[in-house]
Protein backbone atom coordinates (compact mmCIF):
# COMPACT_ATOMS: atom_id res chain seq x y z
CA GLY A 1 -12.90 -90.69 -140.96
CA PHE A 2 -16.67 -90.57 -141.27
CA ASP A 3 -16.39 -91.42 -144.98
CA ALA A 4 -14.66 -94.67 -144.01
CA ILE A 5 -17.45 -95.41 -141.53
CA ALA A 6 -20.07 -94.82 -144.22
CA MET A 7 -18.28 -97.24 -146.55
CA LEU A 8 -17.99 -99.90 -143.84
CA ALA A 9 -21.66 -99.53 -142.95
CA ALA A 10 -22.71 -99.73 -146.60
CA MET A 11 -20.66 -102.91 -147.15
CA ALA A 12 -22.12 -104.48 -143.99
CA ALA A 13 -25.66 -103.59 -145.11
CA LEU A 14 -25.06 -105.09 -148.57
CA LYS A 15 -23.67 -108.24 -146.99
CA GLU A 16 -26.71 -108.62 -144.73
CA ALA A 17 -29.15 -107.91 -147.57
CA SER A 18 -27.39 -110.44 -149.80
CA GLN A 19 -27.66 -113.08 -147.09
CA GLN A 20 -31.37 -112.38 -146.61
CA GLU A 21 -32.13 -112.37 -150.34
CA PRO A 22 -29.35 -114.14 -152.28
CA SER A 23 -31.18 -113.80 -155.58
CA ALA A 24 -31.11 -109.99 -155.33
CA ASN A 25 -27.56 -110.02 -156.73
CA LEU A 26 -26.49 -106.95 -154.75
CA TRP A 27 -22.83 -107.64 -155.41
CA SER A 28 -21.44 -107.52 -158.90
CA GLU A 29 -19.35 -110.31 -160.35
CA ARG A 30 -16.36 -108.03 -159.87
CA PHE A 31 -16.92 -107.88 -156.09
CA PRO A 32 -18.56 -111.13 -154.98
CA THR A 33 -19.87 -111.25 -151.42
CA GLU A 34 -17.24 -113.66 -150.18
CA ASP A 35 -14.40 -111.46 -151.42
CA CYS A 36 -15.61 -108.06 -150.28
CA ALA A 37 -18.09 -108.45 -147.45
CA ASP A 38 -15.50 -108.09 -144.70
CA CYS A 39 -13.21 -105.61 -146.42
CA ALA A 40 -11.39 -103.09 -144.31
CA VAL A 41 -11.17 -99.46 -145.34
CA ARG A 42 -7.93 -97.52 -145.12
CA CYS A 43 -8.63 -93.83 -144.82
CA LYS A 44 -6.26 -90.88 -144.59
CA VAL A 45 -7.91 -87.72 -143.34
CA LEU A 46 -6.11 -84.56 -144.39
CA ASP A 47 -7.08 -81.60 -142.25
CA LEU A 48 -5.72 -78.24 -141.27
CA ALA A 49 -6.29 -78.86 -137.54
CA PRO A 50 -4.22 -81.45 -135.65
CA ALA A 51 -6.81 -81.08 -132.87
CA TRP A 52 -8.99 -83.61 -134.74
CA THR A 53 -6.64 -86.38 -133.55
CA ILE A 54 -8.69 -87.22 -130.44
CA ALA A 55 -12.02 -87.34 -132.31
CA LEU A 56 -10.57 -89.38 -135.16
CA SER A 57 -9.01 -91.85 -132.71
CA ALA A 58 -12.40 -92.34 -131.05
CA VAL A 59 -14.04 -92.96 -134.45
CA SER A 60 -11.29 -95.45 -135.37
CA ASP A 61 -11.60 -97.31 -132.08
CA VAL A 62 -15.37 -97.67 -132.38
CA ALA A 63 -15.07 -98.79 -136.00
CA SER A 64 -12.69 -101.57 -135.00
CA GLU A 65 -15.13 -102.69 -132.28
CA ILE A 66 -18.08 -102.83 -134.68
CA TRP A 67 -16.15 -104.36 -137.59
CA PRO A 68 -13.40 -106.58 -136.10
CA TRP A 69 -11.49 -106.74 -139.42
CA GLN A 70 -11.14 -102.93 -139.36
CA SER A 71 -7.94 -102.12 -137.48
CA ALA A 72 -8.04 -98.86 -135.52
CA ASP A 73 -4.86 -97.69 -137.26
CA PHE A 74 -6.52 -97.92 -140.70
CA ILE A 75 -7.96 -94.42 -140.20
CA GLU A 76 -5.16 -91.88 -140.00
CA LEU A 77 -5.03 -88.10 -139.62
CA ILE A 78 -2.48 -86.12 -141.60
CA ALA A 79 -2.39 -82.61 -140.18
CA PRO A 80 -1.74 -79.86 -140.74
CA SER A 81 -2.63 -80.15 -144.39
CA ASP A 82 -3.67 -76.88 -146.00
CA LEU A 83 -5.47 -77.14 -149.33
CA ARG A 84 -5.18 -73.36 -149.71
CA ASP A 85 -1.39 -73.70 -150.04
CA SER A 86 -0.39 -74.32 -153.65
CA MET A 87 2.99 -75.58 -152.43
CA ALA A 88 1.50 -78.30 -150.18
CA THR A 89 2.89 -81.68 -151.17
CA SER A 90 1.17 -84.16 -148.82
CA PRO A 91 -2.32 -83.83 -150.39
CA VAL A 92 -0.87 -84.33 -153.86
CA GLU A 93 1.18 -87.36 -152.78
CA GLU A 94 -1.81 -88.95 -151.03
CA VAL A 95 -4.11 -88.39 -154.01
CA GLY A 96 -1.56 -90.02 -156.30
CA GLN A 97 -1.78 -93.20 -154.21
CA ALA A 98 -5.51 -93.20 -153.51
CA ASP A 99 -8.23 -95.53 -154.74
CA MET A 100 -10.86 -92.87 -154.03
CA VAL A 101 -10.67 -89.21 -153.01
CA ILE A 102 -13.44 -87.50 -151.07
CA ALA A 103 -13.23 -83.77 -150.42
CA ALA A 104 -15.98 -83.25 -147.89
CA TYR A 105 -17.17 -79.74 -147.10
CA VAL A 106 -13.89 -77.95 -147.67
CA LEU A 107 -14.41 -75.83 -150.78
CA HIS A 108 -16.99 -73.35 -149.53
CA GLU A 109 -15.17 -72.99 -146.21
CA ASN A 110 -12.07 -71.86 -148.07
CA GLU A 111 -13.73 -70.04 -150.96
CA ALA A 112 -12.13 -66.66 -150.25
CA ALA A 113 -8.64 -68.16 -150.39
CA LEU A 114 -9.27 -70.55 -153.29
CA LEU A 115 -11.42 -68.76 -155.87
CA VAL A 116 -9.44 -66.66 -158.34
CA GLU A 117 -10.91 -65.50 -161.65
CA GLY A 118 -13.43 -68.34 -161.83
CA LEU A 119 -10.95 -71.11 -161.00
CA LEU A 120 -10.00 -72.79 -157.75
CA GLY A 121 -6.41 -72.39 -156.67
CA GLY A 122 -4.36 -73.72 -153.80
CA VAL A 123 -3.61 -77.39 -154.14
CA ILE A 124 -6.86 -78.18 -156.04
CA PRO A 125 -5.33 -78.05 -159.58
CA ASP A 126 -2.54 -80.38 -158.45
CA VAL A 127 -5.10 -82.78 -156.97
CA PHE A 128 -6.70 -83.13 -160.40
CA ARG A 129 -3.32 -83.65 -162.06
CA ALA A 130 -2.16 -86.18 -159.45
CA ALA A 131 -5.25 -88.41 -159.46
CA PRO A 132 -4.63 -91.65 -161.33
CA VAL A 133 -6.98 -92.28 -164.25
CA GLY A 134 -10.11 -94.02 -162.99
CA VAL A 135 -9.87 -92.85 -159.40
CA PRO A 136 -13.13 -91.18 -158.37
CA LEU A 137 -12.81 -87.66 -157.03
CA ILE A 138 -15.90 -86.93 -154.96
CA PHE A 139 -16.55 -83.39 -153.81
CA LEU A 140 -19.24 -82.79 -151.21
CA ASP A 141 -20.17 -79.32 -150.11
CA ALA A 142 -22.93 -77.40 -148.39
CA THR A 143 -23.60 -75.29 -151.47
CA HIS A 144 -23.50 -75.76 -155.23
CA ARG A 145 -22.05 -72.29 -155.80
CA LEU A 146 -18.51 -73.50 -156.56
CA TRP A 147 -19.38 -76.47 -158.83
CA PRO A 148 -18.82 -74.46 -162.06
CA ALA A 149 -15.41 -73.30 -160.81
CA LEU A 150 -14.55 -76.85 -159.76
CA VAL A 151 -15.39 -78.24 -163.20
CA GLU A 152 -13.44 -75.49 -164.98
CA THR A 153 -10.47 -76.05 -162.65
CA ALA A 154 -10.53 -79.77 -163.46
CA ARG A 155 -10.65 -79.09 -167.19
CA ALA A 156 -7.90 -76.47 -167.06
CA SER A 157 -5.67 -78.56 -164.78
CA CYS A 158 -5.94 -81.72 -166.81
CA SER A 159 -5.70 -79.99 -170.18
CA SER A 160 -2.46 -78.30 -169.17
CA SER A 161 -0.99 -81.55 -167.89
CA LEU A 162 -1.99 -83.68 -170.90
CA SER A 163 0.80 -82.44 -173.10
CA GLU A 164 3.30 -82.88 -170.27
CA GLU A 165 2.23 -86.28 -169.04
CA ARG A 166 0.89 -89.67 -169.98
CA HIS A 167 -2.69 -89.09 -171.16
CA ASP A 168 -4.55 -87.76 -174.15
CA VAL A 169 -7.69 -85.67 -173.84
CA ASP A 170 -10.03 -88.52 -174.79
CA ALA A 171 -8.60 -90.75 -172.06
CA MET A 172 -9.85 -88.41 -169.32
CA PRO A 173 -13.58 -87.85 -169.74
CA PHE A 174 -15.33 -85.93 -167.00
CA THR A 175 -18.62 -86.95 -165.58
CA VAL A 176 -20.19 -84.27 -163.43
CA ILE A 177 -22.99 -85.30 -161.11
CA VAL A 178 -24.68 -82.50 -159.26
CA PRO A 179 -26.94 -83.52 -156.37
């Protein structure tokens, strides 16, 4: 839910900056100000704990007050959703339909259950296989310790699915950005 708020705030800031300094060209030709300035953000939060419902509802309500075009029901909790469970289907289905995937602070919290022989298990390999080509997968975490395992999991997951599915190796380049 907070990722949606960050996106809404960033779009509002770009809109305001563009109005103050039109020559700054803060919006690309692909997303001109008039087309994207008041965009709503649909966000599905997958979490293990259904108890987040009350907090997420409060965030959604405030977002719709600040940005009137943002309906409170655009931010939705799907719980329980356990990324440690390799048989979980809802994360894989949601990733397959997403325009952007953000995994915020979940890897290190579940390290003991996910890390096996240098690769991440659970639903993580299926997330890489399910993501449509071009959809950004953004992983945020409190430590960099699992980045090598994450990259190797992505490579292994996509390499194994290439022969089974629609892509060739060159069609799926990886760009790794480490903060």
